[in-house]
Amino acid sequence: MANFENYPAEAQQIETEIARKGAIIGIDWNNAAQVRALAKQALACHGDTIKLDCSPLSPEGMAKVELFGLAHLMLKVMTDSAQEGIESHGGPVWKAFAKALWAEMHPDQVPR
């Protein structure tokens, strides 16, 4: 028997934290070019390939590292939710970031 998880609430909490980290680094979630640049950084900053602009040595760099980790966590929550047959959706901040991540990963398949 699966444990009960409130996936929609978790997704909302994660999005709130993503928005907070975005505020620290000055992201305007309505600026598609700015969000796309952040998505590009997110895909470049992982494991042993953390770039200087993603370094946890500054408050902005740490906020980026945490934001990128939260994005991964959001994807896990949404995957787990779907596997349990529960629809979980992020809000406007998550949707902007997810769209930009998708666009960076699949430039020939940009969602509308």
C-alpha atoms as a PDB file:
ATOM      1  CA  MET A   1       0.000   0.000   0.000  1.00  0.00           C
ATOM      2  CA  ALA A   2       1.385   3.369  -1.008  1.00  0.00           C
ATOM      3  CA  ASN A   3       1.867   6.148   1.489  1.00  0.00           C
ATOM      4  CA  PHE A   4      -0.466   9.096   1.082  1.00  0.00           C
ATOM      5  CA  GLU A   5       1.318  12.102  -0.302  1.00  0.00           C
ATOM      6  CA  ASN A   6      -0.299  15.437  -0.915  1.00  0.00           C
ATOM      7  CA  TYR A   7       1.402  15.939  -4.270  1.00  0.00           C
ATOM      8  CA  PRO A   8      -0.429  19.135  -5.250  1.00  0.00           C
ATOM      9  CA  ALA A   9       0.581  20.763  -1.948  1.00  0.00           C
ATOM     10  CA  GLU A  10       4.177  19.607  -2.398  1.00  0.00           C
ATOM     11  CA  ALA A  11       4.262  21.011  -5.917  1.00  0.00           C
ATOM     12  CA  GLN A  12       2.921  24.329  -4.640  1.00  0.00           C
ATOM     13  CA  GLN A  13       5.552  24.480  -1.869  1.00  0.00           C
ATOM     14  CA  ILE A  14       8.351  23.679  -4.298  1.00  0.00           C
ATOM     15  CA  GLU A  15       7.137  26.344  -6.712  1.00  0.00           C
ATOM     16  CA  THR A  16       7.072  28.895  -3.896  1.00  0.00           C
ATOM     17  CA  GLU A  17      10.696  28.081  -3.121  1.00  0.00           C
ATOM     18  CA  ILE A  18      11.647  28.251  -6.810  1.00  0.00           C
ATOM     19  CA  ALA A  19      10.046  31.709  -6.968  1.00  0.00           C
ATOM     20  CA  ARG A  20      11.983  32.798  -3.859  1.00  0.00           C
ATOM     21  CA  LYS A  21      15.281  31.620  -5.313  1.00  0.00           C
ATOM     22  CA  GLY A  22      14.391  33.379  -8.558  1.00  0.00           C
ATOM     23  CA  ALA A  23      13.824  36.603  -6.633  1.00  0.00           C
ATOM     24  CA  ILE A  24      17.294  36.323  -5.091  1.00  0.00           C
ATOM     25  CA  ILE A  25      18.908  36.064  -8.518  1.00  0.00           C
ATOM     26  CA  GLY A  26      16.602  38.651 -10.097  1.00  0.00           C
ATOM     27  CA  ILE A  27      14.662  36.430 -12.499  1.00  0.00           C
ATOM     28  CA  ASP A  28      11.578  37.902 -14.145  1.00  0.00           C
ATOM     29  CA  TRP A  29       9.514  34.767 -14.785  1.00  0.00           C
ATOM     30  CA  ASN A  30       7.574  36.652 -17.493  1.00  0.00           C
ATOM     31  CA  ASN A  31      10.767  37.346 -19.457  1.00  0.00           C
ATOM     32  CA  ALA A  32      11.086  34.286 -21.711  1.00  0.00           C
ATOM     33  CA  ALA A  33      14.653  35.080 -22.781  1.00  0.00           C
ATOM     34  CA  GLN A  34      15.806  35.479 -19.186  1.00  0.00           C
ATOM     35  CA  VAL A  35      14.085  32.257 -18.087  1.00  0.00           C
ATOM     36  CA  ARG A  36      15.528  30.416 -21.103  1.00  0.00           C
ATOM     37  CA  ALA A  37      19.037  31.582 -20.146  1.00  0.00           C
ATOM     38  CA  LEU A  38      18.439  30.265 -16.626  1.00  0.00           C
ATOM     39  CA  ALA A  39      17.250  26.939 -18.060  1.00  0.00           C
ATOM     40  CA  LYS A  40      20.411  26.732 -20.137  1.00  0.00           C
ATOM     41  CA  GLN A  41      22.463  27.263 -16.988  1.00  0.00           C
ATOM     42  CA  ALA A  42      20.421  24.652 -15.120  1.00  0.00           C
ATOM     43  CA  LEU A  43      21.206  22.055 -17.748  1.00  0.00           C
ATOM     44  CA  ALA A  44      24.903  23.002 -17.726  1.00  0.00           C
ATOM     45  CA  CYS A  45      25.280  23.039 -13.923  1.00  0.00           C
ATOM     46  CA  HIS A  46      25.195  19.493 -12.662  1.00  0.00           C
ATOM     47  CA  GLY A  47      27.492  17.120 -10.821  1.00  0.00           C
ATOM     48  CA  ASP A  48      31.131  17.902 -11.466  1.00  0.00           C
ATOM     49  CA  THR A  49      30.342  20.483 -14.146  1.00  0.00           C
ATOM     50  CA  ILE A  50      29.189  23.328 -11.877  1.00  0.00           C
ATOM     51  CA  LYS A  51      30.194  26.528 -13.601  1.00  0.00           C
ATOM     52  CA  LEU A  52      31.435  29.653 -11.856  1.00  0.00           C
ATOM     53  CA  ASP A  53      28.038  31.379 -12.221  1.00  0.00           C
ATOM     54  CA  CYS A  54      26.439  28.407 -10.416  1.00  0.00           C
ATOM     55  CA  SER A  55      29.028  28.334  -7.649  1.00  0.00           C
ATOM     56  CA  PRO A  56      27.705  28.054  -4.086  1.00  0.00           C
ATOM     57  CA  LEU A  57      30.338  30.611  -3.031  1.00  0.00           C
ATOM     58  CA  SER A  58      27.960  33.570  -3.486  1.00  0.00           C
ATOM     59  CA  PRO A  59      24.348  34.063  -2.373  1.00  0.00           C
ATOM     60  CA  GLU A  60      23.229  34.285  -6.013  1.00  0.00           C
ATOM     61  CA  GLY A  61      25.197  31.197  -6.982  1.00  0.00           C
ATOM     62  CA  MET A  62      23.823  29.251  -4.037  1.00  0.00           C
ATOM     63  CA  ALA A  63      20.290  30.353  -4.947  1.00  0.00           C
ATOM     64  CA  LYS A  64      20.851  29.013  -8.480  1.00  0.00           C
ATOM     65  CA  VAL A  65      22.164  25.684  -7.207  1.00  0.00           C
ATOM     66  CA  GLU A  66      19.166  25.385  -4.866  1.00  0.00           C
ATOM     67  CA  LEU A  67      16.731  26.432  -7.595  1.00  0.00           C
ATOM     68  CA  PHE A  68      18.115  23.791  -9.942  1.00  0.00           C
ATOM     69  CA  GLY A  69      17.778  21.172  -7.204  1.00  0.00           C
ATOM     70  CA  LEU A  70      14.196  22.268  -6.590  1.00  0.00           C
ATOM     71  CA  ALA A  71      13.447  21.865 -10.293  1.00  0.00           C
ATOM     72  CA  HIS A  72      14.683  18.288 -10.099  1.00  0.00           C
ATOM     73  CA  LEU A  73      12.554  17.729  -7.000  1.00  0.00           C
ATOM     74  CA  MET A  74       9.506  19.174  -8.773  1.00  0.00           C
ATOM     75  CA  LEU A  75       9.974  16.723 -11.630  1.00  0.00           C
ATOM     76  CA  LYS A  76      10.196  13.856  -9.131  1.00  0.00           C
ATOM     77  CA  VAL A  77       7.023  14.941  -7.327  1.00  0.00           C
ATOM     78  CA  MET A  78       5.154  15.231 -10.617  1.00  0.00           C
ATOM     79  CA  THR A  79       6.429  11.830 -11.793  1.00  0.00           C
ATOM     80  CA  ASP A  80       5.504  10.140  -8.507  1.00  0.00           C
ATOM     81  CA  SER A  81       2.132  11.847  -8.582  1.00  0.00           C
ATOM     82  CA  ALA A  82       1.417  10.633 -12.109  1.00  0.00           C
ATOM     83  CA  GLN A  83       2.423   7.097 -11.165  1.00  0.00           C
ATOM     84  CA  GLU A  84      -0.186   7.205  -8.405  1.00  0.00           C
ATOM     85  CA  GLY A  85      -2.829   8.517 -10.811  1.00  0.00           C
ATOM     86  CA  ILE A  86      -2.890  11.970  -9.230  1.00  0.00           C
ATOM     87  CA  GLU A  87      -2.638  15.087 -11.370  1.00  0.00           C
ATOM     88  CA  SER A  88      -0.275  17.667  -9.947  1.00  0.00           C
ATOM     89  CA  HIS A  89       0.431  20.936 -11.689  1.00  0.00           C
ATOM     90  CA  GLY A  90       2.868  23.711 -11.066  1.00  0.00           C
ATOM     91  CA  GLY A  91       1.807  27.304 -11.248  1.00  0.00           C
ATOM     92  CA  PRO A  92       3.008  30.076 -13.555  1.00  0.00           C
ATOM     93  CA  VAL A  93       6.599  30.137 -12.276  1.00  0.00           C
ATOM     94  CA  TRP A  94       7.061  26.406 -12.720  1.00  0.00           C
ATOM     95  CA  LYS A  95       5.345  26.437 -16.107  1.00  0.00           C
ATOM     96  CA  ALA A  96       7.639  29.212 -17.352  1.00  0.00           C
ATOM     97  CA  PHE A  97      10.739  27.367 -16.148  1.00  0.00           C
ATOM     98  CA  ALA A  98       9.571  23.965 -17.373  1.00  0.00           C
ATOM     99  CA  LYS A  99       8.788  25.411 -20.814  1.00  0.00           C
ATOM    100  CA  ALA A 100      12.261  26.955 -20.967  1.00  0.00           C
ATOM    101  CA  LEU A 101      13.904  23.700 -19.861  1.00  0.00           C
ATOM    102  CA  TRP A 102      11.978  21.805 -22.532  1.00  0.00           C
ATOM    103  CA  ALA A 103      12.945  24.366 -25.152  1.00  0.00           C
ATOM    104  CA  GLU A 104      16.625  24.022 -24.228  1.00  0.00           C
ATOM    105  CA  MET A 105      16.472  20.228 -24.305  1.00  0.00           C
ATOM    106  CA  HIS A 106      14.315  20.019 -27.445  1.00  0.00           C
ATOM    107  CA  PRO A 107      14.847  23.183 -29.511  1.00  0.00           C
ATOM    108  CA  ASP A 108      12.921  21.707 -32.429  1.00  0.00           C
ATOM    109  CA  GLN A 109       9.854  20.949 -30.262  1.00  0.00           C
ATOM    110  CA  VAL A 110       9.160  24.171 -28.365  1.00  0.00           C
ATOM    111  CA  PRO A 111       5.772  23.944 -26.564  1.00  0.00           C
ATOM    112  CA  ARG A 112       3.261  26.744 -26.872  1.00  0.00           C
END
